[in-house]
Amino acid sequence: MSYSQEALAFSTIPANHQVRIEDRISFLYLEYCLVRQDRTGVVAIQDATDDDDNPDSEATVTRIQLPVAGLGVLCLGPGTSISNAAITSCARSGCTVAFSGGGGVNAYAHATPLSSSAKWAIAQARLISSLDAQKVAAIKLYSKQFGAGQVRDASIKVMRGIEGRIMRTTYRDLAKKAKIKGFKRDTAAADPINTGLNVANSIMYGVAATVCAAIGVNPALGIIHRGDIRALLFDLADLYKARIVLPLVFSHAHDEDPISEIRRDLRRQIHNKHILEDMLGTLMEILEPHLPNRDDDRLINDHGEVSGHVQYGKDDE
């Protein structure tokens, strides 16, 4: 297959010239289709018949162009497949691909960072290596989540207790408002609310993965959460759980198709409340105090650093 000149030009666009994370569509969910690269870009292809009751009726093929260059997360559900060329285009454009399984369990294929610098990854490593710095960062996250007055001068243990009480109260009040008796959060349950929470949380983890990928930080190195490969994604997604995700999911408890409505409504909320931009700003605010003084290519030296891209080992050295 030959590519158009526009597609070839796109493949050479440097990372720092791609669409900024805050200007992107938050996510796109697809199921039962093929995702392929054609001459003009990435497309979704779906076969269908004109009459479901007549298998001999003429088949139709629907092709939809996917705006991966301006997309945060491409979420591929059941019945989908993606080609090597298509996922390469997604990675080059900074689009995170999330493969969605049952129960909202996702595996993430991370995009190429929208930054050519390692400065944010270095800042993350410095933060994680200091317990004092992590406490400061945790306080910022809790303050963002619940308000500065709730966590001022509090220990991590106290903050964790505040979080638990707020979440229990939020679940109870929302269940009462939605007239749902005896609600209990269970990720394995099949009722509309628990399933909807799984879906909404997975979407938010995908958004957080896009933010991490945009500046090249490791999603496994969390601040509040530890041990899971998605620890930092949990930290970032939790910022919006009590304020946005839980009320949204419970508001669709009695809809005819709650899962589809939750996806659509959450996409609107992510756009209207600028969640991608806000999440990125929060992450950068936490990491900024730990940024290196310079971010050009350097080499380690016996005392500090020396310039990179220099031929060392000359006879007169």
C-alpha atoms as a PDB file:
ATOM      1  CA  MET A   1       0.000   0.000   0.000  1.00  0.00           C
ATOM      2  CA  SER A   2       1.340   3.422  -0.935  1.00  0.00           C
ATOM      3  CA  TYR A   3       0.744   6.329   1.422  1.00  0.00           C
ATOM      4  CA  SER A   4      -0.393   9.805   0.445  1.00  0.00           C
ATOM      5  CA  GLN A   5       2.035  12.693   0.762  1.00  0.00           C
ATOM      6  CA  GLU A   6      -0.039  14.014   3.689  1.00  0.00           C
ATOM      7  CA  ALA A   7       0.292  10.706   5.562  1.00  0.00           C
ATOM      8  CA  LEU A   8       4.036  10.572   4.926  1.00  0.00           C
ATOM      9  CA  ALA A   9       4.437  14.155   6.126  1.00  0.00           C
ATOM     10  CA  PHE A  10       2.503  13.346   9.297  1.00  0.00           C
ATOM     11  CA  SER A  11       4.896  10.522  10.181  1.00  0.00           C
ATOM     12  CA  THR A  12       7.793  12.991  10.347  1.00  0.00           C
ATOM     13  CA  ILE A  13       6.128  15.604  12.587  1.00  0.00           C
ATOM     14  CA  PRO A  14       8.276  15.969  15.743  1.00  0.00           C
ATOM     15  CA  ALA A  15       6.692  15.270  19.121  1.00  0.00           C
ATOM     16  CA  ASN A  16       6.660  18.904  20.225  1.00  0.00           C
ATOM     17  CA  HIS A  17       4.695  19.893  17.097  1.00  0.00           C
ATOM     18  CA  GLN A  18       1.790  17.500  17.719  1.00  0.00           C
ATOM     19  CA  VAL A  19      -1.628  18.612  18.982  1.00  0.00           C
ATOM     20  CA  ARG A  20      -1.334  19.591  22.646  1.00  0.00           C
ATOM     21  CA  ILE A  21      -2.957  17.302  25.195  1.00  0.00           C
ATOM     22  CA  GLU A  22      -5.403  19.968  26.432  1.00  0.00           C
ATOM     23  CA  ASP A  23      -6.638  20.562  22.862  1.00  0.00           C
ATOM     24  CA  ARG A  24      -7.487  16.915  22.160  1.00  0.00           C
ATOM     25  CA  ILE A  25     -10.743  14.970  22.139  1.00  0.00           C
ATOM     26  CA  SER A  26     -10.757  13.041  25.417  1.00  0.00           C
ATOM     27  CA  PHE A  27     -11.576   9.510  24.209  1.00  0.00           C
ATOM     28  CA  LEU A  28     -13.274   7.488  21.488  1.00  0.00           C
ATOM     29  CA  TYR A  29     -14.798   4.062  22.171  1.00  0.00           C
ATOM     30  CA  LEU A  30     -15.103   1.469  19.380  1.00  0.00           C
ATOM     31  CA  GLU A  31     -16.352  -2.109  19.273  1.00  0.00           C
ATOM     32  CA  TYR A  32     -16.882  -4.793  16.611  1.00  0.00           C
ATOM     33  CA  CYS A  33     -14.762  -3.183  13.923  1.00  0.00           C
ATOM     34  CA  LEU A  34     -11.338  -3.297  12.311  1.00  0.00           C
ATOM     35  CA  VAL A  35      -8.932  -0.409  12.860  1.00  0.00           C
ATOM     36  CA  ARG A  36      -6.610  -0.048   9.922  1.00  0.00           C
ATOM     37  CA  GLN A  37      -4.176   2.378   8.303  1.00  0.00           C
ATOM     38  CA  ASP A  38      -5.092   3.535   4.799  1.00  0.00           C
ATOM     39  CA  ARG A  39      -3.491   6.061   2.462  1.00  0.00           C
ATOM     40  CA  THR A  40      -4.912   9.037   4.360  1.00  0.00           C
ATOM     41  CA  GLY A  41      -4.756   7.925   7.983  1.00  0.00           C
ATOM     42  CA  VAL A  42      -6.360   5.559  10.503  1.00  0.00           C
ATOM     43  CA  VAL A  43      -9.863   4.262   9.758  1.00  0.00           C
ATOM     44  CA  ALA A  44     -12.463   2.067  11.478  1.00  0.00           C
ATOM     45  CA  ILE A  45     -14.081  -0.506   9.190  1.00  0.00           C
ATOM     46  CA  GLN A  46     -17.310  -2.305  10.018  1.00  0.00           C
ATOM     47  CA  ASP A  47     -19.200  -4.867   7.939  1.00  0.00           C
ATOM     48  CA  ALA A  48     -22.985  -4.968   8.153  1.00  0.00           C
ATOM     49  CA  THR A  49     -25.935  -6.339   6.207  1.00  0.00           C
ATOM     50  CA  ASP A  50     -28.931  -4.338   5.093  1.00  0.00           C
ATOM     51  CA  ASP A  51     -31.299  -6.853   6.713  1.00  0.00           C
ATOM     52  CA  ASP A  52     -30.314  -8.706   9.878  1.00  0.00           C
ATOM     53  CA  ASP A  53     -33.141 -11.226   9.345  1.00  0.00           C
ATOM     54  CA  ASN A  54     -31.872 -12.101   5.878  1.00  0.00           C
ATOM     55  CA  PRO A  55     -28.271 -13.323   5.900  1.00  0.00           C
ATOM     56  CA  ASP A  56     -28.267 -13.363   2.085  1.00  0.00           C
ATOM     57  CA  SER A  57     -28.875  -9.628   1.841  1.00  0.00           C
ATOM     58  CA  GLU A  58     -26.113  -7.474   0.398  1.00  0.00           C
ATOM     59  CA  ALA A  59     -23.345  -6.587   2.845  1.00  0.00           C
ATOM     60  CA  THR A  60     -22.340  -2.983   3.379  1.00  0.00           C
ATOM     61  CA  VAL A  61     -19.005  -1.697   4.587  1.00  0.00           C
ATOM     62  CA  THR A  62     -18.768   1.429   6.715  1.00  0.00           C
ATOM     63  CA  ARG A  63     -15.450   3.290   6.881  1.00  0.00           C
ATOM     64  CA  ILE A  64     -14.941   6.078   9.414  1.00  0.00           C
ATOM     65  CA  GLN A  65     -11.826   8.240   9.529  1.00  0.00           C
ATOM     66  CA  LEU A  66     -10.408   8.383  13.074  1.00  0.00           C
ATOM     67  CA  PRO A  67      -8.842  11.686  14.208  1.00  0.00           C
ATOM     68  CA  VAL A  68      -5.987  10.008  16.100  1.00  0.00           C
ATOM     69  CA  ALA A  69      -3.748  13.081  15.793  1.00  0.00           C
ATOM     70  CA  GLY A  70      -6.240  14.995  17.925  1.00  0.00           C
ATOM     71  CA  LEU A  71      -7.384  12.156  20.184  1.00  0.00           C
ATOM     72  CA  GLY A  72      -6.365  11.426  23.769  1.00  0.00           C
ATOM     73  CA  VAL A  73      -7.487   7.806  24.181  1.00  0.00           C
ATOM     74  CA  LEU A  74      -8.668   5.277  21.600  1.00  0.00           C
ATOM     75  CA  CYS A  75     -10.583   2.650  23.589  1.00  0.00           C
ATOM     76  CA  LEU A  76     -11.021  -0.646  21.727  1.00  0.00           C
ATOM     77  CA  GLY A  77     -13.753  -2.881  23.115  1.00  0.00           C
ATOM     78  CA  PRO A  78     -14.930  -6.405  22.258  1.00  0.00           C
ATOM     79  CA  GLY A  79     -14.741  -7.513  18.648  1.00  0.00           C
ATOM     80  CA  THR A  80     -12.035  -5.078  17.575  1.00  0.00           C
ATOM     81  CA  SER A  81      -8.618  -5.549  16.053  1.00  0.00           C
ATOM     82  CA  ILE A  82      -5.952  -3.036  15.107  1.00  0.00           C
ATOM     83  CA  SER A  83      -3.160  -3.386  12.572  1.00  0.00           C
ATOM     84  CA  ASN A  84       0.523  -2.776  13.175  1.00  0.00           C
ATOM     85  CA  ALA A  85       0.484   0.276  10.899  1.00  0.00           C
ATOM     86  CA  ALA A  86      -2.572   1.765  12.618  1.00  0.00           C
ATOM     87  CA  ILE A  87      -1.218   1.423  16.149  1.00  0.00           C
ATOM     88  CA  THR A  88       2.095   2.867  14.956  1.00  0.00           C
ATOM     89  CA  SER A  89       0.235   5.950  13.733  1.00  0.00           C
ATOM     90  CA  CYS A  90      -1.563   6.208  17.081  1.00  0.00           C
ATOM     91  CA  ALA A  91       1.728   6.036  18.969  1.00  0.00           C
ATOM     92  CA  ARG A  92       3.386   8.618  16.710  1.00  0.00           C
ATOM     93  CA  SER A  93       0.499  11.003  17.221  1.00  0.00           C
ATOM     94  CA  GLY A  94       0.509  10.699  21.023  1.00  0.00           C
ATOM     95  CA  CYS A  95      -2.803   8.799  21.161  1.00  0.00           C
ATOM     96  CA  THR A  96      -3.034   6.214  23.955  1.00  0.00           C
ATOM     97  CA  VAL A  97      -4.689   2.933  22.925  1.00  0.00           C
ATOM     98  CA  ALA A  98      -6.695   1.136  25.635  1.00  0.00           C
ATOM     99  CA  PHE A  99      -7.808  -2.451  25.015  1.00  0.00           C
ATOM    100  CA  SER A 100     -11.010  -2.901  27.040  1.00  0.00           C
ATOM    101  CA  GLY A 101     -12.018  -6.262  28.431  1.00  0.00           C
ATOM    102  CA  GLY A 102     -14.920  -7.420  30.526  1.00  0.00           C
ATOM    103  CA  GLY A 103     -15.556  -5.721  33.839  1.00  0.00           C
ATOM    104  CA  GLY A 104     -13.684  -2.609  32.804  1.00  0.00           C
ATOM    105  CA  VAL A 105     -10.238  -4.221  33.001  1.00  0.00           C
ATOM    106  CA  ASN A 106      -7.851  -2.499  30.602  1.00  0.00           C
ATOM    107  CA  ALA A 107      -4.324  -2.952  29.354  1.00  0.00           C
ATOM    108  CA  TYR A 108      -2.641   0.131  28.042  1.00  0.00           C
ATOM    109  CA  ALA A 109      -0.351   0.625  25.061  1.00  0.00           C
ATOM    110  CA  HIS A 110       1.332   3.921  25.692  1.00  0.00           C
ATOM    111  CA  ALA A 111       1.894   6.535  23.044  1.00  0.00           C
ATOM    112  CA  THR A 112       5.107   8.278  22.145  1.00  0.00           C
ATOM    113  CA  PRO A 113       5.472  11.241  24.561  1.00  0.00           C
ATOM    114  CA  LEU A 114       4.490  14.656  23.224  1.00  0.00           C
ATOM    115  CA  SER A 115       7.789  15.927  24.636  1.00  0.00           C
ATOM    116  CA  SER A 116      11.292  15.178  23.412  1.00  0.00           C
ATOM    117  CA  SER A 117      12.734  15.990  26.839  1.00  0.00           C
ATOM    118  CA  ALA A 118      13.247  13.611  29.769  1.00  0.00           C
ATOM    119  CA  LYS A 119      12.937  16.426  32.313  1.00  0.00           C
ATOM    120  CA  TRP A 120       9.529  15.368  33.658  1.00  0.00           C
ATOM    121  CA  ALA A 121      10.639  11.749  34.048  1.00  0.00           C
ATOM    122  CA  ILE A 122      13.730  12.964  35.927  1.00  0.00           C
ATOM    123  CA  ALA A 123      11.525  15.111  38.164  1.00  0.00           C
ATOM    124  CA  GLN A 124       9.299  12.108  38.869  1.00  0.00           C
ATOM    125  CA  ALA A 125      12.304   9.970  39.810  1.00  0.00           C
ATOM    126  CA  ARG A 126      13.545  12.668  42.193  1.00  0.00           C
ATOM    127  CA  LEU A 127      10.119  13.007  43.809  1.00  0.00           C
ATOM    128  CA  ILE A 128       9.626   9.256  44.281  1.00  0.00           C
ATOM    129  CA  SER A 129      13.092   8.879  45.830  1.00  0.00           C
ATOM    130  CA  SER A 130      12.208  11.257  48.692  1.00  0.00           C
ATOM    131  CA  LEU A 131       9.565  10.362  51.289  1.00  0.00           C
ATOM    132  CA  ASP A 132       9.332  13.999  52.398  1.00  0.00           C
ATOM    133  CA  ALA A 133       8.723  15.125  48.816  1.00  0.00           C
ATOM    134  CA  GLN A 134       6.065  12.447  48.382  1.00  0.00           C
ATOM    135  CA  LYS A 135       4.223  13.668  51.464  1.00  0.00           C
ATOM    136  CA  VAL A 136       4.187  17.217  50.095  1.00  0.00           C
ATOM    137  CA  ALA A 137       2.888  15.908  46.767  1.00  0.00           C
ATOM    138  CA  ALA A 138       0.253  13.751  48.500  1.00  0.00           C
ATOM    139  CA  ILE A 139      -1.008  16.771  50.438  1.00  0.00           C
ATOM    140  CA  LYS A 140      -1.378  18.668  47.146  1.00  0.00           C
ATOM    141  CA  LEU A 141      -3.363  15.802  45.641  1.00  0.00           C
ATOM    142  CA  TYR A 142      -5.649  15.451  48.652  1.00  0.00           C
ATOM    143  CA  SER A 143      -6.114  19.237  48.732  1.00  0.00           C
ATOM    144  CA  LYS A 144      -7.111  19.172  45.080  1.00  0.00           C
ATOM    145  CA  GLN A 145      -9.512  16.306  45.703  1.00  0.00           C
ATOM    146  CA  PHE A 146     -11.251  17.476  48.870  1.00  0.00           C
ATOM    147  CA  GLY A 147     -10.286  21.107  49.469  1.00  0.00           C
ATOM    148  CA  ALA A 148      -7.319  22.601  51.277  1.00  0.00           C
ATOM    149  CA  GLY A 149      -9.225  23.068  54.537  1.00  0.00           C
ATOM    150  CA  GLN A 150      -9.800  19.336  54.918  1.00  0.00           C
ATOM    151  CA  VAL A 151      -6.121  18.337  54.914  1.00  0.00           C
ATOM    152  CA  ARG A 152      -4.170  21.313  56.233  1.00  0.00           C
ATOM    153  CA  ASP A 153      -1.321  20.174  58.519  1.00  0.00           C
ATOM    154  CA  ALA A 154      -2.741  16.641  58.521  1.00  0.00           C
ATOM    155  CA  SER A 155      -0.728  13.439  58.458  1.00  0.00           C
ATOM    156  CA  ILE A 156      -1.005  10.931  55.630  1.00  0.00           C
ATOM    157  CA  LYS A 157      -2.963   8.628  57.961  1.00  0.00           C
ATOM    158  CA  VAL A 158      -5.458  11.376  58.774  1.00  0.00           C
ATOM    159  CA  MET A 159      -5.833  12.287  55.093  1.00  0.00           C
ATOM    160  CA  ARG A 160      -6.499   8.659  54.223  1.00  0.00           C
ATOM    161  CA  GLY A 161      -9.211   8.554  56.872  1.00  0.00           C
ATOM    162  CA  ILE A 162     -10.792  11.743  55.523  1.00  0.00           C
ATOM    163  CA  GLU A 163     -10.830  10.232  52.042  1.00  0.00           C
ATOM    164  CA  GLY A 164     -12.510   7.060  53.307  1.00  0.00           C
ATOM    165  CA  ARG A 165     -15.227   8.960  55.171  1.00  0.00           C
ATOM    166  CA  ILE A 166     -15.957  11.261  52.242  1.00  0.00           C
ATOM    167  CA  MET A 167     -16.199   8.366  49.792  1.00  0.00           C
ATOM    168  CA  ARG A 168     -18.511   6.343  52.068  1.00  0.00           C
ATOM    169  CA  THR A 169     -20.753   9.358  52.589  1.00  0.00           C
ATOM    170  CA  THR A 170     -20.789  10.111  48.861  1.00  0.00           C
ATOM    171  CA  TYR A 171     -21.780   6.552  47.944  1.00  0.00           C
ATOM    172  CA  ARG A 172     -24.508   6.499  50.604  1.00  0.00           C
ATOM    173  CA  ASP A 173     -25.996   9.878  49.655  1.00  0.00           C
ATOM    174  CA  LEU A 174     -25.958   9.195  45.912  1.00  0.00           C
ATOM    175  CA  ALA A 175     -27.538   5.751  46.363  1.00  0.00           C
ATOM    176  CA  LYS A 176     -30.258   7.288  48.521  1.00  0.00           C
ATOM    177  CA  LYS A 177     -30.890  10.028  45.960  1.00  0.00           C
ATOM    178  CA  ALA A 178     -31.141   7.439  43.165  1.00  0.00           C
ATOM    179  CA  LYS A 179     -33.436   5.284  45.349  1.00  0.00           C
ATOM    180  CA  ILE A 180     -31.087   2.301  45.307  1.00  0.00           C
ATOM    181  CA  LYS A 181     -31.342   0.237  48.470  1.00  0.00           C
ATOM    182  CA  GLY A 182     -28.426  -1.695  49.914  1.00  0.00           C
ATOM    183  CA  PHE A 183     -25.873  -0.544  47.365  1.00  0.00           C
ATOM    184  CA  LYS A 184     -22.381  -1.958  47.850  1.00  0.00           C
ATOM    185  CA  ARG A 185     -19.397  -1.218  45.636  1.00  0.00           C
ATOM    186  CA  ASP A 186     -18.263  -4.456  44.004  1.00  0.00           C
ATOM    187  CA  THR A 187     -16.141  -4.431  40.859  1.00  0.00           C
ATOM    188  CA  ALA A 188     -17.298  -7.975  40.016  1.00  0.00           C
ATOM    189  CA  ALA A 189     -21.020  -7.203  40.299  1.00  0.00           C
ATOM    190  CA  ALA A 190     -23.163  -6.971  37.156  1.00  0.00           C
ATOM    191  CA  ASP A 191     -25.700  -4.344  38.259  1.00  0.00           C
ATOM    192  CA  PRO A 192     -25.852  -1.085  36.239  1.00  0.00           C
ATOM    193  CA  ILE A 193     -24.162   1.089  38.861  1.00  0.00           C
ATOM    194  CA  ASN A 194     -21.183  -1.170  39.541  1.00  0.00           C
ATOM    195  CA  THR A 195     -20.748  -1.870  35.829  1.00  0.00           C
ATOM    196  CA  GLY A 196     -21.054   1.829  35.056  1.00  0.00           C
ATOM    197  CA  LEU A 197     -18.460   2.678  37.693  1.00  0.00           C
ATOM    198  CA  ASN A 198     -16.073   0.134  36.164  1.00  0.00           C
ATOM    199  CA  VAL A 199     -16.530   1.707  32.734  1.00  0.00           C
ATOM    200  CA  ALA A 200     -16.226   5.295  33.971  1.00  0.00           C
ATOM    201  CA  ASN A 201     -13.153   4.518  36.073  1.00  0.00           C
ATOM    202  CA  SER A 202     -11.521   2.776  33.116  1.00  0.00           C
ATOM    203  CA  ILE A 203     -12.114   5.826  30.944  1.00  0.00           C
ATOM    204  CA  MET A 204     -10.573   8.086  33.576  1.00  0.00           C
ATOM    205  CA  TYR A 205      -7.561   5.766  33.878  1.00  0.00           C
ATOM    206  CA  GLY A 206      -7.186   6.016  30.111  1.00  0.00           C
ATOM    207  CA  VAL A 207      -7.298   9.811  30.305  1.00  0.00           C
ATOM    208  CA  ALA A 208      -4.667   9.719  33.062  1.00  0.00           C
ATOM    209  CA  ALA A 209      -2.521   7.377  30.950  1.00  0.00           C
ATOM    210  CA  THR A 210      -2.681   9.896  28.111  1.00  0.00           C
ATOM    211  CA  VAL A 211      -1.536  12.671  30.440  1.00  0.00           C
ATOM    212  CA  CYS A 212       1.374  10.549  31.698  1.00  0.00           C
ATOM    213  CA  ALA A 213       2.345   9.573  28.161  1.00  0.00           C
ATOM    214  CA  ALA A 214       2.223  13.190  27.003  1.00  0.00           C
ATOM    215  CA  ILE A 215       5.160  14.204  29.202  1.00  0.00           C
ATOM    216  CA  GLY A 216       6.880  10.828  29.408  1.00  0.00           C
ATOM    217  CA  VAL A 217       6.363   9.882  33.067  1.00  0.00           C
ATOM    218  CA  ASN A 218       5.938   6.369  34.461  1.00  0.00           C
ATOM    219  CA  PRO A 219       2.326   5.512  35.440  1.00  0.00           C
ATOM    220  CA  ALA A 220       3.584   2.806  37.816  1.00  0.00           C
ATOM    221  CA  LEU A 221       5.282   5.325  40.130  1.00  0.00           C
ATOM    222  CA  GLY A 222       2.357   6.616  42.156  1.00  0.00           C
ATOM    223  CA  ILE A 223       2.362   9.128  44.985  1.00  0.00           C
ATOM    224  CA  ILE A 224      -0.553   7.995  47.154  1.00  0.00           C
ATOM    225  CA  HIS A 225      -1.073   4.570  45.563  1.00  0.00           C
ATOM    226  CA  ARG A 226       1.768   2.033  45.506  1.00  0.00           C
ATOM    227  CA  GLY A 227       2.537  -1.372  44.044  1.00  0.00           C
ATOM    228  CA  ASP A 228       0.211  -1.447  41.025  1.00  0.00           C
ATOM    229  CA  ILE A 229       1.535  -0.702  37.541  1.00  0.00           C
ATOM    230  CA  ARG A 230      -1.279   1.889  37.264  1.00  0.00           C
ATOM    231  CA  ALA A 231      -0.596   3.578  40.615  1.00  0.00           C
ATOM    232  CA  LEU A 232      -0.168   7.118  39.256  1.00  0.00           C
ATOM    233  CA  LEU A 233      -3.267   6.663  37.082  1.00  0.00           C
ATOM    234  CA  PHE A 234      -5.257   5.906  40.245  1.00  0.00           C
ATOM    235  CA  ASP A 235      -3.859   9.040  41.900  1.00  0.00           C
ATOM    236  CA  LEU A 236      -4.880  11.278  39.010  1.00  0.00           C
ATOM    237  CA  ALA A 237      -8.278   9.692  38.316  1.00  0.00           C
ATOM    238  CA  ASP A 238      -9.250   9.877  42.002  1.00  0.00           C
ATOM    239  CA  LEU A 239      -9.106  13.679  41.810  1.00  0.00           C
ATOM    240  CA  TYR A 240     -12.419  13.616  39.954  1.00  0.00           C
ATOM    241  CA  LYS A 241     -14.131  10.553  41.408  1.00  0.00           C
ATOM    242  CA  ALA A 242     -16.206  12.130  44.182  1.00  0.00           C
ATOM    243  CA  ARG A 243     -16.975  15.382  42.342  1.00  0.00           C
ATOM    244  CA  ILE A 244     -17.689  14.123  38.829  1.00  0.00           C
ATOM    245  CA  VAL A 245     -17.559  10.362  38.235  1.00  0.00           C
ATOM    246  CA  LEU A 246     -19.774   9.079  41.055  1.00  0.00           C
ATOM    247  CA  PRO A 247     -22.611  11.628  40.629  1.00  0.00           C
ATOM    248  CA  LEU A 248     -22.534  11.074  36.864  1.00  0.00           C
ATOM    249  CA  VAL A 249     -22.815   7.285  37.103  1.00  0.00           C
ATOM    250  CA  PHE A 250     -25.591   7.327  39.702  1.00  0.00           C
ATOM    251  CA  SER A 251     -27.552   9.849  37.612  1.00  0.00           C
ATOM    252  CA  HIS A 252     -27.932   7.179  34.908  1.00  0.00           C
ATOM    253  CA  ALA A 253     -28.960   4.371  37.267  1.00  0.00           C
ATOM    254  CA  HIS A 254     -32.417   3.991  35.747  1.00  0.00           C
ATOM    255  CA  ASP A 255     -31.628   4.697  32.082  1.00  0.00           C
ATOM    256  CA  GLU A 256     -32.557   2.133  29.458  1.00  0.00           C
ATOM    257  CA  ASP A 257     -28.934   1.914  28.277  1.00  0.00           C
ATOM    258  CA  PRO A 258     -26.908   3.288  31.208  1.00  0.00           C
ATOM    259  CA  ILE A 259     -23.455   2.274  29.940  1.00  0.00           C
ATOM    260  CA  SER A 260     -23.785   4.122  26.633  1.00  0.00           C
ATOM    261  CA  GLU A 261     -25.206   7.167  28.406  1.00  0.00           C
ATOM    262  CA  ILE A 262     -22.373   7.123  30.942  1.00  0.00           C
ATOM    263  CA  ARG A 263     -19.779   7.081  28.157  1.00  0.00           C
ATOM    264  CA  ARG A 264     -21.421   9.968  26.325  1.00  0.00           C
ATOM    265  CA  ASP A 265     -22.011  12.008  29.462  1.00  0.00           C
ATOM    266  CA  LEU A 266     -18.479  11.477  30.752  1.00  0.00           C
ATOM    267  CA  ARG A 267     -17.033  12.569  27.410  1.00  0.00           C
ATOM    268  CA  ARG A 268     -19.042  15.794  27.684  1.00  0.00           C
ATOM    269  CA  GLN A 269     -17.858  16.346  31.254  1.00  0.00           C
ATOM    270  CA  ILE A 270     -14.218  15.770  30.302  1.00  0.00           C
ATOM    271  CA  HIS A 271     -14.588  18.362  27.552  1.00  0.00           C
ATOM    272  CA  ASN A 272     -16.706  20.928  29.406  1.00  0.00           C
ATOM    273  CA  LYS A 273     -14.658  20.824  32.606  1.00  0.00           C
ATOM    274  CA  HIS A 274     -11.293  20.721  30.763  1.00  0.00           C
ATOM    275  CA  ILE A 275     -10.264  17.614  32.689  1.00  0.00           C
ATOM    276  CA  LEU A 276      -7.361  16.699  30.384  1.00  0.00           C
ATOM    277  CA  GLU A 277      -5.867  20.158  30.792  1.00  0.00           C
ATOM    278  CA  ASP A 278      -6.561  20.246  34.531  1.00  0.00           C
ATOM    279  CA  MET A 279      -5.088  16.791  35.135  1.00  0.00           C
ATOM    280  CA  LEU A 280      -1.952  17.663  33.176  1.00  0.00           C
ATOM    281  CA  GLY A 281      -1.608  20.936  35.082  1.00  0.00           C
ATOM    282  CA  THR A 282      -1.892  19.142  38.428  1.00  0.00           C
ATOM    283  CA  LEU A 283       0.745  16.570  37.474  1.00  0.00           C
ATOM    284  CA  MET A 284       3.150  19.240  36.229  1.00  0.00           C
ATOM    285  CA  GLU A 285       2.573  21.336  39.362  1.00  0.00           C
ATOM    286  CA  ILE A 286       3.544  18.374  41.544  1.00  0.00           C
ATOM    287  CA  LEU A 287       6.659  17.576  39.502  1.00  0.00           C
ATOM    288  CA  GLU A 288       7.828  21.133  38.822  1.00  0.00           C
ATOM    289  CA  PRO A 289       9.796  21.610  42.092  1.00  0.00           C
ATOM    290  CA  HIS A 290      11.940  18.611  41.127  1.00  0.00           C
ATOM    291  CA  LEU A 291      12.778  19.587  37.541  1.00  0.00           C
ATOM    292  CA  PRO A 292      16.462  19.546  36.526  1.00  0.00           C
ATOM    293  CA  ASN A 293      18.147  22.876  35.841  1.00  0.00           C
ATOM    294  CA  ARG A 294      18.594  21.998  32.178  1.00  0.00           C
ATOM    295  CA  ASP A 295      17.060  19.466  29.827  1.00  0.00           C
ATOM    296  CA  ASP A 296      19.529  19.171  26.954  1.00  0.00           C
ATOM    297  CA  ASP A 297      21.425  15.933  26.282  1.00  0.00           C
ATOM    298  CA  ARG A 298      24.035  15.446  29.048  1.00  0.00           C
ATOM    299  CA  LEU A 299      26.420  12.728  30.212  1.00  0.00           C
ATOM    300  CA  ILE A 300      27.268  11.783  33.779  1.00  0.00           C
ATOM    301  CA  ASN A 301      30.727  12.849  34.965  1.00  0.00           C
ATOM    302  CA  ASP A 302      32.855  12.228  38.061  1.00  0.00           C
ATOM    303  CA  HIS A 303      31.714  15.636  39.279  1.00  0.00           C
ATOM    304  CA  GLY A 304      28.339  16.619  37.862  1.00  0.00           C
ATOM    305  CA  GLU A 305      27.644  16.356  34.136  1.00  0.00           C
ATOM    306  CA  VAL A 306      29.243  17.134  30.789  1.00  0.00           C
ATOM    307  CA  SER A 307      27.781  17.930  27.382  1.00  0.00           C
ATOM    308  CA  GLY A 308      26.429  15.142  25.208  1.00  0.00           C
ATOM    309  CA  HIS A 309      26.996  14.637  21.462  1.00  0.00           C
ATOM    310  CA  VAL A 310      30.708  15.293  21.949  1.00  0.00           C
ATOM    311  CA  GLN A 311      33.474  12.890  20.899  1.00  0.00           C
ATOM    312  CA  TYR A 312      35.424  12.165  24.089  1.00  0.00           C
ATOM    313  CA  GLY A 313      38.552  10.031  24.410  1.00  0.00           C
ATOM    314  CA  LYS A 314      40.927  12.217  22.386  1.00  0.00           C
ATOM    315  CA  ASP A 315      44.656  11.711  22.859  1.00  0.00           C
ATOM    316  CA  ASP A 316      45.095  15.119  24.473  1.00  0.00           C
ATOM    317  CA  GLU A 317      42.455  14.490  27.157  1.00  0.00           C
END
